[in-house]
Amino acid sequence: MPVDSEWEKLVKRYVWNDERTPYFTRVANLSRRQAHYELFGYALLVGVIGVVLSVASLSVELPHADAGGVSLYAFSVCCAAVLLGATRHPWAALWCASAPLALLAYFGVWGFHPALESLEKALLVAIVVAWLLYSRRAVAVACAWQRLAGPD
């Protein structure tokens, strides 16, 4: 029995915490602290993805070859993520939310890396679509930030 209760405590502490991971709480019902945690997590995720993509997109082996705009856009998303984490401004959230759309457009214009199989391409598109769907919530949380109750 003690093993089960310890496992449950670890999950509640690190994976599912009502205060720090309120992803199934409606935006209108979030406290300011919950919104802070959610926006911080989203900004961290998008910032890391932006840095990785801005560096990786410098490779001439990718389908876009040497198009510098791809890397510049990815870096701008990283900068918007930093602004979102610092200011929680809705425009920064909106710019971050444009990244999955841009990635889907990238796949449409330049395609995928030639080494990817069909299943890997489908999985990549599914992940980007899930990111796009979650980005709508992040924008809604950033827009509601000023109206939320509680301390910063």
Protein backbone atom coordinates (compact mmCIF):
# COMPACT_ATOMS: atom_id res chain seq x y z
CA MET A 1 0.00 0.00 0.00
CA PRO A 2 2.66 2.61 0.83
CA VAL A 3 4.12 2.27 -2.67
CA ASP A 4 0.83 3.27 -4.31
CA SER A 5 0.31 6.29 -2.09
CA GLU A 6 3.90 7.42 -2.65
CA TRP A 7 3.48 7.12 -6.41
CA GLU A 8 0.26 9.12 -6.18
CA LYS A 9 1.98 11.85 -4.16
CA LEU A 10 4.79 12.08 -6.72
CA VAL A 11 2.31 12.40 -9.58
CA LYS A 12 0.34 15.04 -7.72
CA ARG A 13 3.52 16.92 -6.89
CA TYR A 14 5.32 16.86 -10.24
CA VAL A 15 2.83 15.96 -12.98
CA TRP A 16 -0.63 16.98 -11.90
CA ASN A 17 -0.80 19.84 -9.44
CA ASP A 18 -3.97 21.94 -9.39
CA GLU A 19 -1.97 25.11 -8.77
CA ARG A 20 0.96 24.58 -11.16
CA THR A 21 -0.63 22.56 -13.96
CA PRO A 22 -4.18 23.91 -14.37
CA TYR A 23 -4.53 22.88 -18.03
CA PHE A 24 -8.10 21.64 -17.70
CA THR A 25 -9.30 24.65 -15.71
CA ARG A 26 -11.34 27.13 -17.73
CA VAL A 27 -9.52 30.39 -18.41
CA ALA A 28 -12.21 32.39 -16.60
CA ASN A 29 -11.71 30.27 -13.47
CA LEU A 30 -7.91 30.56 -13.32
CA SER A 31 -6.23 32.47 -10.55
CA ARG A 32 -3.46 34.86 -11.47
CA ARG A 33 -0.87 32.46 -10.05
CA GLN A 34 -2.21 29.57 -12.14
CA ALA A 35 -2.14 31.76 -15.25
CA HIS A 36 1.43 32.75 -14.43
CA TYR A 37 2.52 29.10 -14.24
CA GLU A 38 0.72 28.25 -17.45
CA LEU A 39 2.13 31.18 -19.42
CA PHE A 40 5.61 30.55 -18.03
CA GLY A 41 5.47 26.91 -19.11
CA TYR A 42 4.19 27.84 -22.56
CA ALA A 43 6.82 30.56 -22.99
CA LEU A 44 9.56 28.15 -21.91
CA LEU A 45 8.37 25.49 -24.36
CA VAL A 46 8.06 27.92 -27.28
CA GLY A 47 11.35 29.63 -26.42
CA VAL A 48 13.27 26.36 -26.43
CA ILE A 49 11.64 25.29 -29.69
CA GLY A 50 12.40 28.71 -31.19
CA VAL A 51 16.09 28.53 -30.23
CA VAL A 52 16.47 24.98 -31.53
CA LEU A 53 14.71 25.79 -34.81
CA SER A 54 16.60 29.04 -35.33
CA VAL A 55 19.92 27.23 -35.03
CA ALA A 56 18.86 24.06 -36.86
CA SER A 57 17.35 26.03 -39.75
CA LEU A 58 20.77 27.43 -40.59
CA SER A 59 21.62 24.04 -42.12
CA VAL A 60 21.77 23.93 -45.91
CA GLU A 61 20.73 20.25 -45.77
CA LEU A 62 17.11 21.13 -44.93
CA PRO A 63 14.51 21.54 -47.70
CA HIS A 64 14.59 25.36 -47.55
CA ALA A 65 18.38 25.34 -48.19
CA ASP A 66 19.75 28.76 -47.32
CA ALA A 67 16.55 30.82 -46.90
CA GLY A 68 17.56 33.12 -44.02
CA GLY A 69 13.99 34.16 -43.26
CA VAL A 70 13.22 30.81 -41.68
CA SER A 71 15.96 31.19 -39.08
CA LEU A 72 15.10 34.85 -38.50
CA TYR A 73 11.43 34.03 -37.93
CA ALA A 74 12.32 31.23 -35.49
CA PHE A 75 14.54 33.65 -33.58
CA SER A 76 11.72 36.22 -33.46
CA VAL A 77 9.46 33.55 -31.94
CA CYS A 78 12.12 32.93 -29.29
CA CYS A 79 12.22 36.67 -28.53
CA ALA A 80 8.41 36.77 -28.33
CA ALA A 81 8.52 33.86 -25.87
CA VAL A 82 10.92 35.81 -23.66
CA LEU A 83 8.58 38.81 -23.80
CA LEU A 84 5.59 36.60 -23.02
CA GLY A 85 7.32 35.15 -20.00
CA ALA A 86 8.34 38.60 -18.76
CA THR A 87 5.28 40.72 -19.58
CA ARG A 88 2.44 38.24 -20.28
CA HIS A 89 1.38 40.55 -23.11
CA PRO A 90 -1.28 39.17 -25.49
CA TRP A 91 0.63 40.30 -28.61
CA ALA A 92 3.65 38.25 -27.54
CA ALA A 93 1.35 35.25 -26.99
CA LEU A 94 -0.18 35.79 -30.42
CA TRP A 95 3.26 35.89 -32.07
CA CYS A 96 4.22 32.69 -30.26
CA ALA A 97 0.93 31.12 -31.36
CA SER A 98 1.77 31.87 -34.99
CA ALA A 99 4.72 29.45 -34.84
CA PRO A 100 2.72 26.24 -35.36
CA LEU A 101 0.92 27.85 -38.30
CA ALA A 102 4.26 28.90 -39.76
CA LEU A 103 5.59 25.39 -39.26
CA LEU A 104 2.60 23.89 -41.08
CA ALA A 105 3.13 26.43 -43.88
CA TYR A 106 6.80 25.43 -43.97
CA PHE A 107 5.80 21.80 -44.44
CA GLY A 108 3.42 22.85 -47.22
CA VAL A 109 5.98 24.97 -49.08
CA TRP A 110 9.24 23.10 -48.58
CA GLY A 111 8.08 19.70 -47.43
CA PHE A 112 9.78 17.48 -44.88
CA HIS A 113 13.33 16.35 -44.40
CA PRO A 114 14.01 13.67 -47.03
CA ALA A 115 15.05 11.10 -44.41
CA LEU A 116 11.62 11.06 -42.71
CA GLU A 117 9.21 8.18 -43.31
CA SER A 118 5.46 8.67 -43.77
CA LEU A 119 4.62 7.71 -40.18
CA GLU A 120 7.20 10.17 -38.85
CA LYS A 121 5.76 12.93 -41.05
CA ALA A 122 2.24 12.20 -39.80
CA LEU A 123 3.43 12.21 -36.19
CA LEU A 124 5.22 15.53 -36.72
CA VAL A 125 2.09 17.11 -38.22
CA ALA A 126 -0.05 15.75 -35.36
CA ILE A 127 2.31 17.27 -32.78
CA VAL A 128 2.27 20.65 -34.54
CA VAL A 129 -1.55 20.59 -34.77
CA ALA A 130 -1.77 19.77 -31.03
CA TRP A 131 0.61 22.67 -30.37
CA LEU A 132 -1.63 24.94 -32.48
CA LEU A 133 -4.72 23.89 -30.56
CA TYR A 134 -3.02 24.54 -27.22
CA SER A 135 -1.72 27.90 -28.46
CA ARG A 136 -5.30 29.18 -28.62
CA ARG A 137 -5.56 28.63 -24.86
CA ALA A 138 -2.25 30.38 -24.20
CA VAL A 139 -3.46 33.44 -26.12
CA ALA A 140 -6.74 33.38 -24.18
CA VAL A 141 -4.85 33.19 -20.86
CA ALA A 142 -2.62 36.12 -21.87
CA CYS A 143 -5.66 38.17 -22.92
CA ALA A 144 -7.39 37.41 -19.60
CA TRP A 145 -4.29 38.13 -17.50
CA GLN A 146 -5.34 41.64 -16.41
CA ARG A 147 -8.82 40.46 -15.36
CA LEU A 148 -7.68 37.50 -13.28
CA ALA A 149 -7.91 37.68 -9.51
CA GLY A 150 -5.09 37.10 -7.09
CA PRO A 151 -1.57 38.34 -6.46
CA ASP A 152 1.08 38.34 -9.21
